[in-house]
Amino acid sequence: AAMAALQDEEFLAKTVQTVNEGKKYLYAEFEKLNVDYWKSQANFFTIKPTIDPKLFEEKMQNFGVMVRPVGNFGAPGCVRITIGKREANEAVIHAMKNIL
């Protein structure tokens, strides 16, 4: 399935467009929320929430949003958030506004 997806140029172009649009939206929203984050060349962000990352993960799950603490990858206090479609990105921001 992965090989077929990589050969589907239309799918790849749409995926890249979705991620790039998501980055622009999330960059702007993270700035409004005054969240520390690192710009990304991938389909995810690393952020440093103002609360404990495990607590942040639990609170995000209460809003139906899954994130991943990445302290074990050399980024203590940080969380990974995958860039999704507009609705998913809006759900991330909605949850973060309520948590932070």
N, C-alpha and C. Protein backbone atom coordinates (compact mmCIF):
# COMPACT_ATOMS: atom_id res chain seq x y z
N ALA A 1 0.83 -1.20 0.00
CA ALA A 1 0.00 0.00 0.00
C ALA A 1 0.87 1.25 0.00
N ALA A 2 1.97 1.21 0.77
CA ALA A 2 2.85 2.37 0.83
C ALA A 2 3.48 2.64 -0.53
N MET A 3 3.90 1.60 -1.22
CA MET A 3 4.51 1.77 -2.55
C MET A 3 3.50 2.36 -3.53
N ALA A 4 2.26 1.89 -3.47
CA ALA A 4 1.23 2.42 -4.36
C ALA A 4 0.97 3.89 -4.05
N ALA A 5 0.93 4.23 -2.77
CA ALA A 5 0.69 5.63 -2.38
C ALA A 5 1.81 6.53 -2.90
N LEU A 6 3.05 6.06 -2.82
CA LEU A 6 4.18 6.86 -3.28
C LEU A 6 4.19 7.04 -4.79
N GLN A 7 3.56 6.12 -5.50
CA GLN A 7 3.49 6.24 -6.96
C GLN A 7 2.29 7.07 -7.42
N ASP A 8 1.39 7.38 -6.52
CA ASP A 8 0.19 8.15 -6.84
C ASP A 8 0.52 9.64 -6.69
N GLU A 9 0.94 10.26 -7.78
CA GLU A 9 1.40 11.65 -7.74
C GLU A 9 0.30 12.62 -7.31
N GLU A 10 -0.92 12.35 -7.69
CA GLU A 10 -2.03 13.22 -7.28
C GLU A 10 -2.23 13.16 -5.75
N PHE A 11 -2.16 11.96 -5.21
CA PHE A 11 -2.28 11.79 -3.76
C PHE A 11 -1.14 12.50 -3.04
N LEU A 12 0.09 12.33 -3.54
CA LEU A 12 1.24 12.98 -2.93
C LEU A 12 1.10 14.50 -2.94
N ALA A 13 0.69 15.05 -4.06
CA ALA A 13 0.54 16.50 -4.18
C ALA A 13 -0.52 17.01 -3.21
N LYS A 14 -1.62 16.30 -3.10
CA LYS A 14 -2.69 16.71 -2.18
C LYS A 14 -2.22 16.61 -0.72
N THR A 15 -1.46 15.59 -0.41
CA THR A 15 -0.94 15.43 0.94
C THR A 15 0.02 16.56 1.29
N VAL A 16 0.93 16.88 0.40
CA VAL A 16 1.88 17.98 0.62
C VAL A 16 1.12 19.29 0.80
N GLN A 17 0.11 19.53 -0.03
CA GLN A 17 -0.70 20.75 0.08
C GLN A 17 -1.40 20.81 1.44
N THR A 18 -1.98 19.70 1.87
CA THR A 18 -2.67 19.65 3.17
C THR A 18 -1.71 19.97 4.30
N VAL A 19 -0.54 19.38 4.28
CA VAL A 19 0.45 19.62 5.33
C VAL A 19 0.92 21.08 5.32
N ASN A 20 1.20 21.61 4.15
CA ASN A 20 1.67 23.00 4.07
C ASN A 20 0.61 23.99 4.53
N GLU A 21 -0.65 23.75 4.17
CA GLU A 21 -1.73 24.62 4.64
C GLU A 21 -1.89 24.49 6.16
N GLY A 22 -1.77 23.26 6.66
CA GLY A 22 -1.86 23.03 8.09
C GLY A 22 -0.76 23.74 8.85
N LYS A 23 0.45 23.74 8.30
CA LYS A 23 1.57 24.43 8.94
C LYS A 23 1.27 25.92 9.09
N LYS A 24 0.81 26.53 8.02
CA LYS A 24 0.51 27.97 8.07
C LYS A 24 -0.53 28.28 9.15
N TYR A 25 -1.59 27.49 9.17
CA TYR A 25 -2.65 27.70 10.15
C TYR A 25 -2.11 27.50 11.57
N LEU A 26 -1.40 26.40 11.79
CA LEU A 26 -0.92 26.09 13.13
C LEU A 26 0.16 27.07 13.59
N TYR A 27 1.05 27.50 12.68
CA TYR A 27 2.04 28.51 13.06
C TYR A 27 1.33 29.74 13.64
N ALA A 28 0.33 30.21 12.92
CA ALA A 28 -0.39 31.42 13.34
C ALA A 28 -1.09 31.20 14.68
N GLU A 29 -1.72 30.05 14.85
CA GLU A 29 -2.45 29.78 16.09
C GLU A 29 -1.50 29.58 17.27
N PHE A 30 -0.37 28.91 17.05
CA PHE A 30 0.61 28.74 18.12
C PHE A 30 1.13 30.10 18.58
N GLU A 31 1.33 31.00 17.63
CA GLU A 31 1.78 32.36 17.98
C GLU A 31 0.74 33.06 18.84
N LYS A 32 -0.53 32.95 18.47
CA LYS A 32 -1.60 33.58 19.25
C LYS A 32 -1.66 33.01 20.67
N LEU A 33 -1.39 31.71 20.81
CA LEU A 33 -1.43 31.06 22.11
C LEU A 33 -0.12 31.21 22.89
N ASN A 34 0.87 31.83 22.23
CA ASN A 34 2.18 32.02 22.85
C ASN A 34 2.79 30.68 23.27
N VAL A 35 2.69 29.69 22.38
CA VAL A 35 3.21 28.35 22.62
C VAL A 35 4.60 28.26 21.99
N ASP A 36 5.56 27.72 22.74
CA ASP A 36 6.88 27.47 22.18
C ASP A 36 6.79 26.28 21.24
N TYR A 37 7.28 26.46 20.02
CA TYR A 37 7.25 25.39 19.01
C TYR A 37 8.44 25.55 18.08
N TRP A 38 8.71 24.49 17.34
CA TRP A 38 9.77 24.52 16.36
C TRP A 38 9.16 24.31 14.99
N LYS A 39 9.53 25.17 14.04
CA LYS A 39 9.04 25.01 12.67
C LYS A 39 9.53 23.67 12.14
N SER A 40 8.76 23.12 11.23
CA SER A 40 8.98 21.75 10.81
C SER A 40 9.11 21.61 9.30
N GLN A 41 9.88 20.64 8.90
CA GLN A 41 9.97 20.24 7.50
C GLN A 41 9.19 18.94 7.27
N ALA A 42 8.53 18.48 8.31
CA ALA A 42 7.82 17.20 8.26
C ALA A 42 6.32 17.43 8.42
N ASN A 43 5.59 16.37 8.73
CA ASN A 43 4.14 16.46 8.89
C ASN A 43 3.75 16.53 10.37
N PHE A 44 4.65 17.04 11.20
CA PHE A 44 4.36 17.19 12.62
C PHE A 44 5.15 18.36 13.18
N PHE A 45 4.71 18.83 14.35
CA PHE A 45 5.39 19.87 15.10
C PHE A 45 5.86 19.31 16.42
N THR A 46 6.87 19.93 16.97
CA THR A 46 7.25 19.69 18.36
C THR A 46 6.95 20.99 19.10
N ILE A 47 6.19 20.86 20.17
CA ILE A 47 5.87 22.03 20.99
C ILE A 47 6.32 21.77 22.42
N LYS A 48 6.46 22.84 23.18
CA LYS A 48 6.77 22.72 24.60
C LYS A 48 5.62 23.36 25.36
N PRO A 49 4.66 22.54 25.82
CA PRO A 49 3.52 23.10 26.55
C PRO A 49 3.95 23.69 27.88
N THR A 50 3.12 24.55 28.40
CA THR A 50 3.43 25.23 29.66
C THR A 50 3.10 24.35 30.87
N ILE A 51 2.59 23.15 30.64
CA ILE A 51 2.31 22.20 31.72
C ILE A 51 3.08 20.92 31.44
N ASP A 52 3.12 20.02 32.41
CA ASP A 52 3.80 18.74 32.26
C ASP A 52 3.31 18.03 30.99
N PRO A 53 4.23 17.50 30.17
CA PRO A 53 3.81 16.88 28.91
C PRO A 53 2.87 15.69 29.07
N LYS A 54 3.03 14.89 30.11
CA LYS A 54 2.11 13.76 30.33
C LYS A 54 0.71 14.27 30.69
N LEU A 55 0.64 15.31 31.51
CA LEU A 55 -0.65 15.91 31.85
C LEU A 55 -1.28 16.54 30.61
N PHE A 56 -0.46 17.20 29.81
CA PHE A 56 -0.94 17.79 28.55
C PHE A 56 -1.52 16.70 27.65
N GLU A 57 -0.80 15.58 27.54
CA GLU A 57 -1.27 14.45 26.73
C GLU A 57 -2.64 13.97 27.23
N GLU A 58 -2.77 13.79 28.53
CA GLU A 58 -4.04 13.32 29.10
C GLU A 58 -5.17 14.30 28.83
N LYS A 59 -4.90 15.58 29.03
CA LYS A 59 -5.94 16.60 28.82
C LYS A 59 -6.33 16.68 27.34
N MET A 60 -5.36 16.55 26.45
CA MET A 60 -5.68 16.56 25.02
C MET A 60 -6.54 15.37 24.65
N GLN A 61 -6.26 14.20 25.25
CA GLN A 61 -7.06 13.01 24.98
C GLN A 61 -8.51 13.21 25.42
N ASN A 62 -8.70 13.99 26.49
CA ASN A 62 -10.07 14.29 26.94
C ASN A 62 -10.85 15.05 25.88
N PHE A 63 -10.15 15.73 24.99
CA PHE A 63 -10.78 16.45 23.87
C PHE A 63 -10.76 15.61 22.59
N GLY A 64 -10.32 14.37 22.69
CA GLY A 64 -10.28 13.50 21.52
C GLY A 64 -9.09 13.73 20.62
N VAL A 65 -8.05 14.36 21.16
CA VAL A 65 -6.85 14.67 20.37
C VAL A 65 -5.68 13.88 20.95
N MET A 66 -5.01 13.13 20.09
CA MET A 66 -3.86 12.34 20.54
C MET A 66 -2.57 13.09 20.19
N VAL A 67 -1.71 13.23 21.20
CA VAL A 67 -0.38 13.80 21.02
C VAL A 67 0.61 12.83 21.66
N ARG A 68 1.90 13.10 21.46
CA ARG A 68 2.91 12.16 21.95
C ARG A 68 4.05 12.91 22.63
N PRO A 69 4.23 12.71 23.94
CA PRO A 69 5.41 13.28 24.59
C PRO A 69 6.68 12.69 23.96
N VAL A 70 7.70 13.52 23.78
CA VAL A 70 8.92 13.07 23.10
C VAL A 70 10.17 13.27 23.95
N GLY A 71 9.99 13.30 25.26
CA GLY A 71 11.14 13.41 26.14
C GLY A 71 12.14 12.29 25.95
N ASN A 72 11.64 11.09 25.64
CA ASN A 72 12.52 9.94 25.43
C ASN A 72 13.27 10.01 24.10
N PHE A 73 12.98 11.01 23.29
CA PHE A 73 13.70 11.23 22.03
C PHE A 73 14.65 12.41 22.14
N GLY A 74 14.95 12.83 23.36
CA GLY A 74 15.90 13.91 23.57
C GLY A 74 15.28 15.29 23.59
N ALA A 75 13.97 15.37 23.74
CA ALA A 75 13.29 16.66 23.80
C ALA A 75 12.46 16.72 25.08
N PRO A 76 13.13 16.85 26.23
CA PRO A 76 12.40 16.84 27.50
C PRO A 76 11.38 17.98 27.58
N GLY A 77 10.20 17.64 28.11
CA GLY A 77 9.14 18.62 28.27
C GLY A 77 8.38 18.93 27.00
N CYS A 78 8.68 18.21 25.92
CA CYS A 78 8.07 18.51 24.63
C CYS A 78 7.08 17.43 24.19
N VAL A 79 6.24 17.82 23.23
CA VAL A 79 5.17 16.96 22.72
C VAL A 79 5.15 17.08 21.20
N ARG A 80 4.88 15.97 20.55
CA ARG A 80 4.74 15.94 19.10
C ARG A 80 3.26 16.01 18.75
N ILE A 81 2.95 16.88 17.76
CA ILE A 81 1.57 17.01 17.26
C ILE A 81 1.62 16.84 15.75
N THR A 82 0.89 15.87 15.24
CA THR A 82 0.84 15.62 13.81
C THR A 82 -0.08 16.63 13.13
N ILE A 83 0.35 17.12 11.97
CA ILE A 83 -0.46 18.03 11.17
C ILE A 83 -1.48 17.21 10.41
N GLY A 84 -2.74 17.60 10.49
CA GLY A 84 -3.79 16.87 9.80
C GLY A 84 -4.58 17.75 8.86
N LYS A 85 -5.77 17.29 8.55
CA LYS A 85 -6.68 18.10 7.75
C LYS A 85 -7.17 19.26 8.60
N ARG A 86 -7.79 20.24 7.98
CA ARG A 86 -8.20 21.46 8.66
C ARG A 86 -9.01 21.18 9.93
N GLU A 87 -9.98 20.27 9.84
CA GLU A 87 -10.83 19.96 10.98
C GLU A 87 -10.01 19.41 12.15
N ALA A 88 -9.04 18.56 11.86
CA ALA A 88 -8.19 18.00 12.91
C ALA A 88 -7.31 19.08 13.53
N ASN A 89 -6.76 19.96 12.70
CA ASN A 89 -5.93 21.05 13.21
C ASN A 89 -6.75 22.00 14.08
N GLU A 90 -7.98 22.26 13.67
CA GLU A 90 -8.85 23.11 14.48
C GLU A 90 -9.18 22.45 15.82
N ALA A 91 -9.32 21.13 15.83
CA ALA A 91 -9.58 20.41 17.08
C ALA A 91 -8.37 20.52 18.01
N VAL A 92 -7.18 20.47 17.47
CA VAL A 92 -5.96 20.63 18.27
C VAL A 92 -5.97 22.01 18.94
N ILE A 93 -6.24 23.03 18.15
CA ILE A 93 -6.21 24.40 18.68
C ILE A 93 -7.34 24.61 19.70
N HIS A 94 -8.51 24.08 19.41
CA HIS A 94 -9.63 24.21 20.36
C HIS A 94 -9.24 23.59 21.71
N ALA A 95 -8.66 22.40 21.67
CA ALA A 95 -8.25 21.73 22.90
C ALA A 95 -7.17 22.54 23.61
N MET A 96 -6.19 23.01 22.87
CA MET A 96 -5.11 23.76 23.49
C MET A 96 -5.60 25.05 24.12
N LYS A 97 -6.56 25.72 23.49
CA LYS A 97 -7.12 26.94 24.07
C LYS A 97 -7.79 26.65 25.40
N ASN A 98 -8.41 25.51 25.53
CA ASN A 98 -9.08 25.15 26.77
C ASN A 98 -8.11 24.63 27.85
N ILE A 99 -7.01 24.06 27.43
CA ILE A 99 -6.05 23.47 28.36
C ILE A 99 -5.03 24.49 28.85
N LEU A 100 -4.52 25.26 27.93
CA LEU A 100 -3.46 26.20 28.28
C LEU A 100 -4.10 27.53 28.62
